[in-house]
C-alpha cells in the first residue's frame, strides 16, 4: 500500500513498492494525462511536479514518495485549462500529435515557477523533453507568451 498526495488529494493505492509513479498515477488513480514515452526518464512525456520540481515519473518508484510530498499532474495544474501555459498552448496551436504536450507543459510550468522571465537560452537549457513532431519553436514561443513575452532573447 502507498499513500500519495496527488493533485491535493491523498490517495491510498495497492501497488508494489517498485511500481513506477507513472503507472500508479495512470492505472490506480485513473489520471491518464501523464503519458508513457520511453520508460527511462529521457523523453519527458511522463513529467509531473513533485513539490514543484519537474520529475519524470516513469523511472521513479512509488516507494520514493510519501503523502507529505505534493505530486501534481497535468490534470492538477489547472483543471479548467486556465493556466497561462495552457492558454498559450491553445493560442499558438503548439501541439501536432499532442502526445508529449502534457509533459512539456509540466516542464514549462516548473521552469516558469523557478524563473518567471526565462531567456531563450534558459528555455532551451531547461526544457529537455522530446517532441517527435518537432514543435520546439512553438513550445518556446508559448513559454514566452505565458511569461508575458518580456524576456531577454539569449
Protein backbone atom coordinates (compact mmCIF):
# COMPACT_ATOMS: atom_id res chain seq x y z
CA UNK A 1 0.00 0.00 0.00
CA UNK A 2 1.12 3.51 -0.76
CA UNK A 3 -0.32 6.84 0.32
CA UNK A 4 0.32 9.63 -2.14
CA UNK A 5 -0.78 13.27 -2.29
CA UNK A 6 -1.84 13.71 -5.92
CA UNK A 7 -3.40 16.98 -7.05
CA UNK A 8 -4.19 17.93 -3.46
CA UNK A 9 -5.89 14.68 -2.54
CA UNK A 10 -4.29 11.89 -0.51
CA UNK A 11 -4.97 8.56 -2.17
CA UNK A 12 -4.22 5.08 -0.89
CA UNK A 13 -3.30 2.60 -3.57
CA UNK A 14 -2.34 -1.06 -3.58
CA UNK A 15 0.89 -1.34 -5.58
CA UNK A 16 4.28 -2.97 -5.24
CA UNK A 17 6.99 -0.64 -3.87
CA UNK A 18 8.92 -0.74 -7.15
CA UNK A 19 5.91 0.27 -9.29
CA UNK A 20 6.81 3.42 -11.23
CA UNK A 21 4.90 6.50 -10.10
CA UNK A 22 3.64 6.90 -13.68
CA UNK A 23 1.74 3.62 -13.55
CA UNK A 24 0.29 4.37 -10.13
CA UNK A 25 -0.97 7.72 -11.44
CA UNK A 26 -2.41 6.25 -14.64
CA UNK A 27 -3.62 2.81 -13.61
CA UNK A 28 -4.52 3.09 -9.94
CA UNK A 29 -5.58 6.74 -9.71
CA UNK A 30 -7.00 6.97 -13.24
CA UNK A 31 -5.30 10.19 -14.30
CA UNK A 32 -4.25 9.47 -17.88
CA UNK A 33 -2.95 12.90 -18.90
CA UNK A 34 0.56 11.87 -17.85
CA UNK A 35 1.93 9.77 -20.70
CA UNK A 36 4.35 6.86 -21.08
CA UNK A 37 7.02 7.56 -23.65
CA UNK A 38 10.35 5.84 -23.12
CA UNK A 39 10.35 4.32 -19.64
CA UNK A 40 13.88 5.55 -18.88
CA UNK A 41 13.26 9.21 -17.97
CA UNK A 42 14.64 10.56 -21.23
CA UNK A 43 11.67 11.85 -23.27
CA UNK A 44 9.71 13.72 -20.58
CA UNK A 45 6.20 12.63 -21.63
CA UNK A 46 5.71 11.44 -18.03
CA UNK A 47 6.70 14.72 -16.36
CA UNK A 48 4.81 15.66 -13.20
CA UNK A 49 5.66 18.05 -10.37
CA UNK A 50 6.85 16.76 -7.02
CA UNK A 51 6.92 19.62 -4.54
CA UNK A 52 7.13 21.99 -7.51
CA UNK A 53 10.02 20.24 -9.24
CA UNK A 54 9.56 18.74 -12.69
CA UNK A 55 10.02 14.99 -12.19
CA UNK A 56 9.96 12.20 -14.74
CA UNK A 57 7.59 9.72 -13.20
CA UNK A 58 8.30 6.67 -15.37
CA UNK A 59 11.51 5.75 -13.58
CA UNK A 60 10.70 6.76 -10.01
CA UNK A 61 9.26 4.00 -7.78
CA UNK A 62 6.21 4.73 -5.68
CA UNK A 63 8.30 3.87 -2.61
CA UNK A 64 10.31 7.07 -3.20
CA UNK A 65 7.26 9.18 -2.28
CA UNK A 66 5.03 9.73 0.71
CA UNK A 67 1.81 11.61 1.40
CA UNK A 68 3.71 14.71 2.55
CA UNK A 69 5.10 15.29 -0.94
CA UNK A 70 2.79 17.17 -3.26
CA UNK A 71 2.52 15.45 -6.64
CA UNK A 72 0.79 17.47 -9.37
CA UNK A 73 -0.19 16.05 -12.74
CA UNK A 74 -1.39 17.91 -15.82
CA UNK A 75 -4.95 17.44 -14.51
CA UNK A 76 -3.98 19.25 -11.30
CA UNK A 77 -2.07 22.10 -12.97
CA UNK A 78 -5.36 23.73 -13.88
CA UNK A 79 -8.46 21.55 -14.10
CA UNK A 80 -10.27 24.11 -16.25
CA UNK A 81 -7.37 24.84 -18.63
CA UNK A 82 -6.86 28.37 -17.34
CA UNK A 83 -3.14 28.13 -16.57
CA UNK A 84 -1.26 30.72 -18.67
CA UNK A 85 0.75 27.94 -20.34
CA UNK A 86 -2.38 26.02 -21.29
CA UNK A 87 -3.87 29.21 -22.75
CA UNK A 88 -0.66 29.97 -24.67
CA UNK A 89 -0.52 26.37 -25.97
CA UNK A 90 -4.01 26.80 -27.43
CA UNK A 91 -3.45 30.35 -28.72
CA UNK A 92 -0.26 29.37 -30.55
CA UNK A 93 -1.52 25.96 -31.69
CA UNK A 94 1.55 24.29 -30.20
CA UNK A 95 0.74 20.57 -30.46
CA UNK A 96 0.78 18.48 -33.58
CA UNK A 97 0.11 14.92 -32.43
CA UNK A 98 -0.04 16.18 -28.84
CA UNK A 99 1.34 13.08 -27.15
CA UNK A 100 4.28 14.78 -25.43
CA UNK A 101 2.49 18.00 -24.65
CA UNK A 102 1.27 17.32 -21.10
CA UNK A 103 4.83 16.55 -20.05
CA UNK A 104 6.11 19.57 -21.98
CA UNK A 105 3.60 21.86 -20.24
CA UNK A 106 4.53 20.45 -16.82
CA UNK A 107 8.25 21.01 -17.51
CA UNK A 108 7.49 24.55 -18.70
CA UNK A 109 5.35 25.28 -15.63
CA UNK A 110 8.20 24.24 -13.33
CA UNK A 111 10.58 26.44 -15.33
CA UNK A 112 8.29 29.48 -15.04
CA UNK A 113 7.77 28.89 -11.32
CA UNK A 114 11.55 28.95 -10.81
CA UNK A 115 12.31 31.59 -13.45
CA UNK A 116 9.28 33.77 -14.34
CA UNK A 117 11.09 35.56 -17.18
CA UNK A 118 13.34 32.96 -18.85
CA UNK A 119 15.53 33.85 -21.79
CA UNK A 120 15.56 31.74 -24.95
CA UNK A 121 18.75 30.10 -23.65
CA UNK A 122 17.06 29.36 -20.31
CA UNK A 123 14.16 27.69 -22.09
CA UNK A 124 16.42 25.64 -24.37
CA UNK A 125 18.52 24.60 -21.38
CA UNK A 126 15.64 23.57 -19.13
CA UNK A 127 13.08 22.09 -21.49
CA UNK A 128 14.75 18.83 -22.45
CA UNK A 129 11.55 16.96 -23.28
CA UNK A 130 11.46 15.25 -26.67
CA UNK A 131 8.79 16.10 -29.24
CA UNK A 132 8.81 13.75 -32.21
CA UNK A 133 6.78 16.28 -34.20
CA UNK A 134 9.41 18.98 -33.64
CA UNK A 135 7.22 21.69 -32.11
CA UNK A 136 10.13 23.20 -30.20
CA UNK A 137 9.85 26.69 -31.71
CA UNK A 138 6.14 26.87 -30.84
CA UNK A 139 6.84 25.50 -27.35
CA UNK A 140 9.42 28.24 -26.81
CA UNK A 141 7.03 30.90 -28.12
CA UNK A 142 4.23 29.65 -25.85
CA UNK A 143 6.51 29.70 -22.80
CA UNK A 144 7.50 33.28 -23.61
CA UNK A 145 3.86 34.27 -24.14
CA UNK A 146 2.84 32.69 -20.82
CA UNK A 147 5.68 34.56 -19.13
CA UNK A 148 4.45 37.84 -20.53
CA UNK A 149 6.72 38.00 -23.57
CA UNK A 150 9.18 40.38 -21.92
CA UNK A 151 12.15 38.06 -21.59
CA UNK A 152 15.63 38.71 -22.86
CA UNK A 153 16.48 36.80 -26.01
CA UNK A 154 19.71 34.96 -25.30
